[in-house]
Amino acid sequence: MDSTLANIDRANILVVDDTPENLRLLAGILSEKGYKVRPVPNGKLALSAAQKMPPDIVLLDIMMPEMDGYEVCKQLKDSEITKDIPVIFISAINDVMDKVKAFGVGGVDFITKPFQVEEVLARIETHLKICSLQQILQEKNQDLATAIQELQATQEHLIQSEKMAALGQLIAGIAHEINTPLGIIGSSIDNIANFWDDNLPKMPQFFQEISEESKGYFLSLLYRSTNQTNLFTSREKRKFKQQLIIDLTAESVQTPDEIADTLVDMEIYDNIEQLLPFFKLPDWEVVFNTAYQFASFKKSISLIQRATVKSGKVVFALKSYAHFDNKQEKVPANLHDGIDTVLTLYQNQLKHGIEVVKDYGNIPQIICYPDDLNQVWTNLIHNALQAMDYKGVLTLETQQQEANIILKFTDNGKGIPPEVIPKIFQPFFTTKSAGEGSGLGLDIVRKIVKKHEGTIDVESVPGQTTFTVSLPIY
């Protein structure tokens, strides 16, 4: 084994945490494993210690007085002496944007408290090995270029893994959006299988025994039940049922409640006059029940089709969002597709109180970094939902103005105070409670938009806040 790798167990680790118990715990665990540990209780002492004797790795808490972990990491990365030292954030906060903020200021990893000892040790060892391999590879000649590429691939894999971990806030909603259609598909397949087993052998005898008049009503029932295009609420269906009962009772039809129930289930709601003579035929009951079975069969097929489309959209959106482009080259992209991807992932949060109004214009594709812009749409939509407490109207507008695409994200929340607006794009500025906001979301948005040579502006009054993004087409 190379001597550099052999020295990993004696690596110098700087541990920064303002809680004495945490310092003692981490120092004890790492010392037992042979690491040289320097525990430091605050950010200023950490910067001083790192400058005097640069450590091999830094374990850094976030929530500390005077100077939080984000600022400590930023200053470490701004210094020529400490810029290459890997920083692992270890914190009790677990918000998606807090993790985004941690990686945005230069962190290489994020461990959530309470932590597993094995996880901490494994991640430290992994990053120390990566650093050691980097040092070895830098000393080798060009023949080791392949090994360097493999190392870069490993680093990209780690970054991508953390990006997936940051999706944790959305996973419950995404799982629900997939499990619901899967449940519908399973139930519908059972209905189809039961129909096939119970009814198919009886069909020849059924058509031989019923009258020609009943055959006509049978076909009419099937046609009306399978060609209903309107969607009605449960409340509307209850009103239809009540009216059907009244009409059936007026004609002295037996069991009007049961018949009305079945008709509504078959999505036959009106023009009952055409069917009233049918319910007085001697074989009406067997014909009606068989028509209901056929209608249920067709309905099961339609439910499978809709559920498949819905789950497919969620899977495609998740795949698109999680895609990692390590080449970082500009490519043509449809901005509407990116916005819709984010909306699909947020569907579970949207459907319980948010009305989404899309006013999409006829815009061309633009040359851009699609993954980066998806992060812009994510931040702007997430901020809008929070501003409305997940109840309100989110309006999305797009249009082309000469050589630019204009995109507007408007919410009807409480608005942004005038004195706050000049500060919202500043890094680390947030109006949210501790642990709820990173203060880097809009800073990230601004940098990505600037990277595209575009602009972002905000206008806000109580009940209407609009973020306007302008991007050049080329």
Protein backbone atom coordinates (compact mmCIF):
# COMPACT_ATOMS: atom_id res chain seq x y z
CA MET A 1 0.00 0.00 0.00
CA ASP A 2 1.22 3.52 -0.80
CA SER A 3 2.58 5.37 2.25
CA THR A 4 0.14 8.21 1.69
CA LEU A 5 -2.83 5.87 1.95
CA ALA A 6 -1.25 4.09 4.90
CA ASN A 7 -1.18 7.38 6.81
CA ILE A 8 -4.94 7.92 6.55
CA ASP A 9 -5.53 6.56 10.04
CA ARG A 10 -3.18 9.23 11.45
CA ALA A 11 -4.88 12.06 9.56
CA ASN A 12 -5.35 15.44 11.25
CA ILE A 13 -9.06 16.24 11.71
CA LEU A 14 -10.43 19.62 12.80
CA VAL A 15 -13.80 19.24 14.58
CA VAL A 16 -15.86 22.43 14.98
CA ASP A 17 -18.98 22.42 17.19
CA ASP A 18 -20.24 24.86 19.83
CA THR A 19 -21.79 22.05 21.89
CA PRO A 20 -19.20 20.60 24.32
CA GLU A 21 -20.93 17.20 24.42
CA ASN A 22 -20.73 16.87 20.64
CA LEU A 23 -17.05 17.88 20.64
CA ARG A 24 -16.18 15.31 23.27
CA LEU A 25 -18.18 12.59 21.52
CA LEU A 26 -16.61 13.16 18.10
CA ALA A 27 -13.12 13.66 19.49
CA GLY A 28 -13.40 10.41 21.45
CA ILE A 29 -14.70 8.38 18.49
CA LEU A 30 -12.03 9.67 16.10
CA SER A 31 -9.16 9.40 18.59
CA GLU A 32 -10.03 5.77 19.24
CA LYS A 33 -9.63 5.16 15.51
CA GLY A 34 -6.13 6.66 15.52
CA TYR A 35 -6.94 10.07 14.06
CA LYS A 36 -5.30 13.24 15.38
CA VAL A 37 -8.18 15.39 16.52
CA ARG A 38 -8.32 19.13 17.22
CA PRO A 39 -11.69 20.09 18.80
CA VAL A 40 -12.65 23.77 18.39
CA PRO A 41 -15.78 25.38 19.94
CA ASN A 42 -16.48 28.20 17.44
CA GLY A 43 -15.96 29.45 13.90
CA LYS A 44 -13.31 32.11 14.55
CA LEU A 45 -11.02 29.70 16.39
CA ALA A 46 -11.57 27.17 13.61
CA LEU A 47 -10.33 29.61 10.95
CA SER A 48 -7.31 30.50 13.05
CA ALA A 49 -6.46 26.85 13.74
CA ALA A 50 -6.83 25.90 10.08
CA GLN A 51 -4.49 28.70 8.96
CA LYS A 52 -1.79 27.83 11.51
CA MET A 53 -1.88 24.08 10.89
CA PRO A 54 -4.07 23.09 7.94
CA PRO A 55 -5.99 19.88 8.77
CA ASP A 56 -6.57 16.99 6.39
CA ILE A 57 -10.34 17.27 6.81
CA VAL A 58 -12.88 19.47 8.67
CA LEU A 59 -16.04 18.31 10.45
CA LEU A 60 -18.16 21.44 10.71
CA ASP A 61 -21.37 22.21 12.62
CA ILE A 62 -23.79 24.75 11.06
CA MET A 63 -25.78 26.44 13.81
CA MET A 64 -23.15 28.32 15.87
CA PRO A 65 -23.21 31.82 17.43
CA GLU A 66 -21.32 34.77 15.90
CA MET A 67 -20.21 32.85 12.82
CA ASP A 68 -22.20 29.88 11.45
CA GLY A 69 -20.74 26.92 9.60
CA TYR A 70 -21.63 28.27 6.16
CA GLU A 71 -19.50 31.38 6.69
CA VAL A 72 -16.63 29.32 8.12
CA CYS A 73 -16.65 27.07 5.06
CA LYS A 74 -16.83 30.04 2.70
CA GLN A 75 -13.78 31.66 4.30
CA LEU A 76 -11.87 28.37 4.24
CA LYS A 77 -12.56 28.05 0.51
CA ASP A 78 -11.52 31.68 -0.11
CA SER A 79 -8.06 31.08 1.37
CA GLU A 80 -5.22 29.69 -0.73
CA ILE A 81 -3.97 27.76 2.28
CA THR A 82 -7.21 25.94 3.10
CA LYS A 83 -9.24 26.00 -0.13
CA ASP A 84 -8.57 22.33 -0.96
CA ILE A 85 -9.37 20.93 2.49
CA PRO A 86 -12.57 18.82 2.34
CA VAL A 87 -15.33 20.12 4.61
CA ILE A 88 -17.99 17.70 5.87
CA PHE A 89 -21.02 19.43 7.39
CA ILE A 90 -22.50 17.60 10.37
CA SER A 91 -25.71 19.16 11.62
CA ALA A 92 -29.18 18.49 13.05
CA ILE A 93 -30.90 20.59 10.38
CA ASN A 94 -32.14 18.54 7.46
CA ASP A 95 -33.94 20.87 5.04
CA VAL A 96 -33.29 20.38 1.32
CA MET A 97 -32.18 23.97 0.85
CA ASP A 98 -29.83 23.75 3.84
CA LYS A 99 -28.06 20.91 2.05
CA VAL A 100 -28.02 22.87 -1.19
CA LYS A 101 -26.52 25.78 0.73
CA ALA A 102 -23.86 23.51 2.28
CA PHE A 103 -22.71 22.27 -1.11
CA GLY A 104 -23.01 25.78 -2.55
CA VAL A 105 -20.35 27.15 -0.18
CA GLY A 106 -17.94 24.30 -0.88
CA GLY A 107 -18.88 21.38 1.36
CA VAL A 108 -18.17 17.90 0.04
CA ASP A 109 -20.58 15.97 2.24
CA PHE A 110 -23.49 16.40 4.68
CA ILE A 111 -24.16 14.17 7.70
CA THR A 112 -27.41 14.59 9.64
CA LYS A 113 -27.51 14.42 13.44
CA PRO A 114 -28.19 12.17 15.24
CA PHE A 115 -25.59 10.23 13.27
CA GLN A 116 -24.45 6.65 13.13
CA VAL A 117 -20.80 6.26 14.20
CA GLU A 118 -20.14 3.84 11.34
CA GLU A 119 -21.50 6.35 8.81
CA VAL A 120 -19.29 9.18 10.09
CA LEU A 121 -16.18 6.99 10.03
CA ALA A 122 -16.99 5.60 6.58
CA ARG A 123 -17.51 9.05 5.06
CA ILE A 124 -14.36 10.47 6.64
CA GLU A 125 -12.35 7.54 5.35
CA THR A 126 -13.87 7.90 1.88
CA HIS A 127 -12.97 11.60 1.59
CA LEU A 128 -9.50 11.08 3.05
CA LYS A 129 -8.88 8.39 0.49
CA ILE A 130 -10.09 10.67 -2.27
CA CYS A 131 -7.71 13.41 -1.11
CA SER A 132 -4.83 10.95 -0.84
CA LEU A 133 -5.52 9.57 -4.29
CA GLN A 134 -5.58 13.09 -5.66
CA GLN A 135 -2.15 13.77 -4.20
CA ILE A 136 -0.78 10.51 -5.61
CA LEU A 137 -2.23 11.13 -9.04
CA GLN A 138 -0.84 14.66 -9.18
CA GLU A 139 2.66 13.16 -8.73
CA LYS A 140 2.25 10.62 -11.50
CA ASN A 141 2.77 11.19 -15.20
CA GLN A 142 0.26 11.31 -18.01
CA ASP A 143 -0.01 7.50 -18.06
CA LEU A 144 -2.26 7.82 -14.99
CA ALA A 145 -4.83 9.98 -16.79
CA THR A 146 -7.32 7.11 -16.76
CA ALA A 147 -7.01 6.81 -12.98
CA ILE A 148 -7.68 10.54 -12.64
CA GLN A 149 -10.85 10.18 -14.69
CA GLU A 150 -12.00 7.34 -12.45
CA LEU A 151 -11.44 9.51 -9.40
CA GLN A 152 -13.44 12.33 -10.94
CA ALA A 153 -16.22 9.86 -11.70
CA THR A 154 -16.19 8.79 -8.04
CA GLN A 155 -16.46 12.40 -6.90
CA GLU A 156 -19.31 13.07 -9.31
CA HIS A 157 -21.07 9.96 -8.01
CA LEU A 158 -20.77 11.28 -4.45
CA ILE A 159 -22.18 14.64 -5.46
CA GLN A 160 -25.03 13.00 -7.35
CA SER A 161 -25.77 10.74 -4.38
CA GLU A 162 -26.11 13.79 -2.15
CA LYS A 163 -28.35 15.46 -4.69
CA MET A 164 -30.63 12.43 -4.50
CA ALA A 165 -30.49 12.59 -0.70
CA ALA A 166 -31.59 16.21 -0.91
CA LEU A 167 -34.71 15.02 -2.71
CA GLY A 168 -35.78 13.45 0.57
CA GLN A 169 -38.17 16.31 1.27
CA LEU A 170 -40.13 15.38 -1.84
CA ILE A 171 -39.88 11.60 -1.64
CA ALA A 172 -43.03 11.03 0.46
CA GLY A 173 -45.14 13.00 -2.01
CA ILE A 174 -43.51 11.33 -5.01
CA ALA A 175 -44.07 7.87 -3.51
CA HIS A 176 -47.74 8.75 -2.97
CA GLU A 177 -48.08 9.95 -6.55
CA ILE A 178 -46.70 6.63 -7.81
CA ASN A 179 -48.37 4.28 -5.31
CA THR A 180 -51.85 5.66 -5.98
CA PRO A 181 -51.89 4.81 -9.72
CA LEU A 182 -50.20 1.47 -8.99
CA GLY A 183 -53.02 0.64 -6.59
CA ILE A 184 -55.59 1.62 -9.21
CA ILE A 185 -53.86 -0.57 -11.80
CA GLY A 186 -53.79 -3.57 -9.45
CA SER A 187 -57.44 -3.21 -8.50
CA SER A 188 -58.52 -2.73 -12.11
CA ILE A 189 -56.61 -5.80 -13.27
CA ASP A 190 -58.42 -7.86 -10.62
CA ASN A 191 -61.77 -6.54 -11.90
CA ILE A 192 -60.87 -7.45 -15.48
CA ALA A 193 -59.75 -10.94 -14.44
CA ASN A 194 -62.99 -11.51 -12.50
CA PHE A 195 -65.08 -10.29 -15.42
CA TRP A 196 -63.26 -12.59 -17.81
CA ASP A 197 -63.72 -15.65 -15.56
CA ASP A 198 -67.35 -14.99 -14.57
CA ASN A 199 -68.95 -13.57 -17.71
CA LEU A 200 -67.20 -14.72 -20.88
CA PRO A 201 -68.48 -18.36 -20.80
CA LYS A 202 -72.05 -17.12 -20.30
CA MET A 203 -72.14 -14.71 -23.26
CA PRO A 204 -73.41 -17.06 -26.02
CA GLN A 205 -76.32 -18.27 -23.88
CA PHE A 206 -77.06 -14.72 -22.70
CA PHE A 207 -77.52 -13.38 -26.23
CA GLN A 208 -79.63 -16.39 -27.24
CA GLU A 209 -82.05 -16.01 -24.34
CA ILE A 210 -82.74 -12.24 -24.29
CA SER A 211 -85.28 -10.60 -26.58
CA GLU A 212 -84.42 -8.40 -29.55
CA GLU A 213 -85.84 -5.42 -27.67
CA SER A 214 -83.58 -6.16 -24.69
CA LYS A 215 -80.57 -6.44 -27.00
CA GLY A 216 -81.25 -2.89 -28.18
CA TYR A 217 -81.38 -1.59 -24.62
CA PHE A 218 -78.24 -3.58 -23.77
CA LEU A 219 -76.29 -1.92 -26.58
CA SER A 220 -77.72 1.50 -25.65
CA LEU A 221 -76.60 1.08 -22.03
CA LEU A 222 -73.10 0.07 -23.13
CA TYR A 223 -72.80 2.97 -25.54
CA ARG A 224 -73.93 5.58 -23.00
CA SER A 225 -71.74 4.22 -20.19
CA THR A 226 -68.55 4.07 -22.28
CA ASN A 227 -68.92 7.41 -24.09
CA GLN A 228 -69.30 9.75 -21.11
CA THR A 229 -66.65 12.47 -21.35
CA ASN A 230 -67.73 14.83 -18.56
CA LEU A 231 -66.24 14.46 -15.09
CA PHE A 232 -68.56 15.16 -12.16
CA THR A 233 -67.89 15.64 -8.46
CA SER A 234 -69.33 13.34 -5.78
CA ARG A 235 -71.76 16.08 -4.84
CA GLU A 236 -73.00 16.37 -8.42
CA LYS A 237 -73.36 12.60 -8.67
CA ARG A 238 -75.52 12.56 -5.52
CA LYS A 239 -77.86 15.12 -7.14
CA PHE A 240 -78.07 12.99 -10.30
CA LYS A 241 -78.94 9.94 -8.21
CA GLN A 242 -81.72 11.79 -6.37
CA GLN A 243 -83.25 12.90 -9.65
CA LEU A 244 -83.00 9.38 -11.10
CA ILE A 245 -84.81 7.97 -8.06
CA ILE A 246 -87.60 10.53 -8.52
CA ASP A 247 -87.97 9.66 -12.22
CA LEU A 248 -87.92 5.89 -11.61
CA THR A 249 -90.38 6.10 -8.71
CA ALA A 250 -92.78 8.19 -10.79
CA GLU A 251 -92.94 5.32 -13.32
CA SER A 252 -93.46 2.73 -10.53
CA VAL A 253 -90.15 1.02 -11.34
CA GLN A 254 -89.18 -1.49 -8.66
CA THR A 255 -86.01 -0.97 -6.53
CA PRO A 256 -85.43 2.60 -7.79
CA ASP A 257 -82.59 3.20 -5.28
CA GLU A 258 -80.56 0.22 -6.50
CA ILE A 259 -81.13 1.05 -10.17
CA ALA A 260 -80.17 4.70 -9.64
CA ASP A 261 -76.98 3.61 -7.85
CA THR A 262 -76.00 1.36 -10.75
CA LEU A 263 -76.81 3.97 -13.41
CA VAL A 264 -74.64 6.59 -11.68
CA ASP A 265 -71.83 4.04 -11.34
CA MET A 266 -72.15 3.41 -15.09
CA GLU A 267 -71.95 7.20 -15.60
CA ILE A 268 -75.48 7.40 -17.02
CA TYR A 269 -76.99 10.53 -15.51
CA ASP A 270 -79.70 11.97 -17.75
CA ASN A 271 -82.28 11.22 -20.48
CA ILE A 272 -83.63 8.41 -18.30
CA GLU A 273 -86.96 8.63 -20.17
CA GLN A 274 -85.51 6.54 -23.01
CA LEU A 275 -84.73 3.70 -20.57
CA LEU A 276 -87.92 3.65 -18.49
CA PRO A 277 -89.72 1.06 -20.70
CA PHE A 278 -86.68 -1.23 -20.36
CA PHE A 279 -87.14 -1.61 -16.60
CA LYS A 280 -90.59 -3.16 -17.18
CA LEU A 281 -89.38 -5.93 -19.50
CA PRO A 282 -89.32 -9.46 -17.98
CA ASP A 283 -85.58 -9.93 -18.54
CA TRP A 284 -84.46 -6.39 -17.63
CA GLU A 285 -82.57 -7.42 -14.49
CA VAL A 286 -80.18 -9.92 -16.11
CA VAL A 287 -79.63 -7.58 -19.06
CA PHE A 288 -79.00 -4.60 -16.76
CA ASN A 289 -76.54 -6.51 -14.55
CA THR A 290 -74.64 -7.84 -17.58
CA ALA A 291 -74.41 -4.34 -19.08
CA TYR A 292 -73.07 -3.13 -15.75
CA GLN A 293 -70.38 -5.83 -15.80
CA PHE A 294 -69.31 -4.81 -19.32
CA ALA A 295 -69.26 -1.14 -18.31
CA SER A 296 -67.08 -1.99 -15.29
CA PHE A 297 -64.72 -3.89 -17.60
CA LYS A 298 -64.34 -0.85 -19.88
CA LYS A 299 -63.98 1.47 -16.89
CA SER A 300 -61.15 -0.70 -15.51
CA ILE A 301 -59.31 -0.41 -18.82
CA SER A 302 -59.70 3.39 -18.79
CA LEU A 303 -58.45 3.58 -15.21
CA ILE A 304 -55.36 1.54 -16.12
CA GLN A 305 -54.66 3.84 -19.07
CA ARG A 306 -54.96 6.99 -16.95
CA ALA A 307 -52.96 5.53 -14.06
CA THR A 308 -50.19 4.42 -16.41
CA VAL A 309 -49.92 7.89 -17.93
CA LYS A 310 -49.86 9.53 -14.49
CA SER A 311 -47.19 7.26 -13.00
CA GLY A 312 -45.16 7.57 -16.21
CA LYS A 313 -45.17 11.36 -15.89
CA VAL A 314 -43.94 11.20 -12.29
CA VAL A 315 -41.17 8.73 -13.13
CA PHE A 316 -40.08 10.78 -16.14
CA ALA A 317 -40.07 13.98 -14.08
CA LEU A 318 -38.00 12.36 -11.33
CA LYS A 319 -35.56 10.96 -13.87
CA SER A 320 -35.25 14.33 -15.59
CA TYR A 321 -34.73 16.21 -12.31
CA ALA A 322 -32.18 13.73 -10.98
CA HIS A 323 -30.20 13.74 -14.23
CA PHE A 324 -26.65 14.91 -13.75
CA ASP A 325 -24.82 16.42 -16.71
CA ASN A 326 -21.13 16.26 -15.88
CA LYS A 327 -20.21 17.79 -19.24
CA GLN A 328 -21.96 21.07 -18.42
CA GLU A 329 -22.43 22.08 -22.04
CA LYS A 330 -25.19 24.33 -23.29
CA VAL A 331 -27.87 22.47 -25.23
CA PRO A 332 -31.24 23.40 -26.79
CA ALA A 333 -34.06 22.97 -24.27
CA ASN A 334 -37.78 23.62 -23.89
CA LEU A 335 -38.29 25.75 -20.77
CA HIS A 336 -41.91 24.63 -20.40
CA ASP A 337 -40.74 21.02 -20.07
CA GLY A 338 -38.39 21.97 -17.23
CA ILE A 339 -41.08 23.90 -15.34
CA ASP A 340 -43.60 21.08 -15.80
CA THR A 341 -41.04 18.59 -14.48
CA VAL A 342 -40.74 20.58 -11.24
CA LEU A 343 -44.54 20.94 -10.98
CA THR A 344 -44.95 17.18 -11.36
CA LEU A 345 -42.51 16.53 -8.51
CA TYR A 346 -44.40 19.02 -6.32
CA GLN A 347 -47.82 17.59 -7.30
CA ASN A 348 -48.53 16.18 -3.85
CA GLN A 349 -47.97 19.61 -2.26
CA LEU A 350 -49.91 21.42 -4.99
CA LYS A 351 -53.10 19.38 -5.13
CA HIS A 352 -54.25 20.04 -1.56
CA GLY A 353 -54.62 23.81 -1.75
CA ILE A 354 -52.74 25.34 -4.67
CA GLU A 355 -54.35 26.36 -7.95
CA VAL A 356 -51.76 26.45 -10.73
CA VAL A 357 -52.56 28.82 -13.60
CA LYS A 358 -50.40 28.38 -16.70
CA ASP A 359 -50.26 31.17 -19.24
CA TYR A 360 -47.63 29.69 -21.52
CA GLY A 361 -46.75 31.63 -24.63
CA ASN A 362 -45.43 30.28 -27.91
CA ILE A 363 -41.72 30.36 -27.06
CA PRO A 364 -38.83 28.69 -28.90
CA GLN A 365 -36.21 26.42 -27.41
CA ILE A 366 -33.21 28.24 -25.96
CA ILE A 367 -29.53 27.31 -25.69
CA CYS A 368 -28.93 26.79 -21.97
CA TYR A 369 -27.89 24.53 -19.08
CA PRO A 370 -31.23 22.74 -18.46
CA ASP A 371 -30.22 21.13 -15.14
CA ASP A 372 -29.21 24.51 -13.72
CA LEU A 373 -32.44 26.16 -14.86
CA ASN A 374 -34.47 23.36 -13.28
CA GLN A 375 -32.87 24.42 -9.98
CA VAL A 376 -34.08 27.99 -10.67
CA TRP A 377 -37.66 26.82 -11.26
CA THR A 378 -37.47 24.61 -8.16
CA ASN A 379 -36.39 27.47 -5.90
CA LEU A 380 -38.90 29.99 -7.27
CA ILE A 381 -41.83 27.55 -7.09
CA HIS A 382 -40.85 26.28 -3.64
CA ASN A 383 -40.54 29.85 -2.32
CA ALA A 384 -43.93 30.73 -3.79
CA LEU A 385 -45.59 27.73 -2.12
CA GLN A 386 -44.07 28.65 1.24
CA ALA A 387 -45.12 32.29 0.82
CA MET A 388 -48.73 31.13 0.39
CA ASP A 389 -48.55 28.55 3.21
CA TYR A 390 -49.42 26.00 0.50
CA LYS A 391 -52.85 27.57 -0.12
CA GLY A 392 -53.40 30.03 -2.95
CA VAL A 393 -52.88 30.67 -6.65
CA LEU A 394 -49.56 30.14 -8.43
CA THR A 395 -49.48 31.79 -11.85
CA LEU A 396 -46.81 30.91 -14.42
CA GLU A 397 -46.43 33.11 -17.50
CA THR A 398 -44.01 32.86 -20.42
CA GLN A 399 -43.59 34.95 -23.54
CA GLN A 400 -41.00 35.96 -26.11
CA GLN A 401 -39.83 39.58 -26.25
CA GLU A 402 -37.50 40.09 -29.20
CA ALA A 403 -34.37 37.97 -28.51
CA ASN A 404 -35.35 37.10 -24.92
CA ILE A 405 -37.71 34.74 -23.12
CA ILE A 406 -39.63 36.29 -20.21
CA LEU A 407 -40.80 33.97 -17.42
CA LYS A 408 -42.98 35.20 -14.54
CA PHE A 409 -43.72 33.32 -11.30
CA THR A 410 -46.53 34.98 -9.33
CA ASP A 411 -48.04 33.99 -5.99
CA ASN A 412 -50.86 35.62 -4.00
CA GLY A 413 -49.15 35.26 -0.62
CA LYS A 414 -48.57 37.93 1.97
CA GLY A 415 -45.84 39.63 -0.06
CA ILE A 416 -42.31 40.84 0.67
CA PRO A 417 -41.84 44.02 2.75
CA PRO A 418 -40.27 46.90 0.73
CA GLU A 419 -37.28 47.14 3.08
CA VAL A 420 -36.51 43.44 2.57
CA ILE A 421 -36.62 43.34 -1.24
CA PRO A 422 -33.10 44.83 -1.74
CA LYS A 423 -31.63 42.06 0.45
CA ILE A 424 -33.35 38.91 -0.83
CA PHE A 425 -30.67 38.07 -3.41
CA GLN A 426 -27.85 38.47 -0.88
CA PRO A 427 -26.21 35.20 0.19
CA PHE A 428 -27.23 33.94 3.63
CA PHE A 429 -30.10 36.42 3.93
CA THR A 430 -33.40 34.80 4.92
CA THR A 431 -36.64 35.84 6.59
CA LYS A 432 -37.46 32.25 7.55
CA SER A 433 -36.99 30.66 10.95
CA ALA A 434 -33.77 28.85 11.78
CA GLY A 435 -33.69 25.48 10.04
CA GLU A 436 -36.40 26.44 7.52
CA GLY A 437 -34.41 28.50 5.03
CA SER A 438 -30.83 28.58 3.85
CA GLY A 439 -30.54 32.18 2.70
CA LEU A 440 -28.80 30.87 -0.42
CA GLY A 441 -31.76 29.85 -2.58
CA LEU A 442 -32.23 33.16 -4.37
CA ASP A 443 -28.48 33.75 -4.45
CA ILE A 444 -28.15 30.45 -6.33
CA VAL A 445 -31.00 31.49 -8.63
CA ARG A 446 -29.35 34.85 -9.34
CA LYS A 447 -25.99 33.22 -10.13
CA ILE A 448 -27.54 30.68 -12.50
CA VAL A 449 -29.51 33.37 -14.31
CA LYS A 450 -26.34 35.51 -14.54
CA LYS A 451 -24.47 32.46 -15.88
CA HIS A 452 -27.03 32.47 -18.72
CA GLU A 453 -26.46 36.23 -19.24
CA GLY A 454 -30.01 36.90 -18.10
CA THR A 455 -31.67 38.97 -15.38
CA ILE A 456 -34.07 38.36 -12.49
CA ASP A 457 -36.28 40.99 -10.82
CA VAL A 458 -39.00 40.98 -8.19
CA GLU A 459 -42.09 43.11 -7.60
CA SER A 460 -44.20 42.60 -4.50
CA VAL A 461 -47.28 44.01 -2.81
CA PRO A 462 -49.52 42.17 -0.33
CA GLY A 463 -51.39 39.52 -2.31
CA GLN A 464 -49.12 39.56 -5.35
CA THR A 465 -45.42 38.79 -5.63
CA THR A 466 -43.86 38.29 -9.07
CA PHE A 467 -40.35 37.08 -9.88
CA THR A 468 -39.50 37.85 -13.50
CA VAL A 469 -36.66 35.98 -15.23
CA SER A 470 -35.35 37.14 -18.60
CA LEU A 471 -33.14 34.77 -20.59
CA PRO A 472 -31.56 35.27 -24.01
CA ILE A 473 -32.62 32.72 -26.62
CA TYR A 474 -29.02 32.17 -27.76
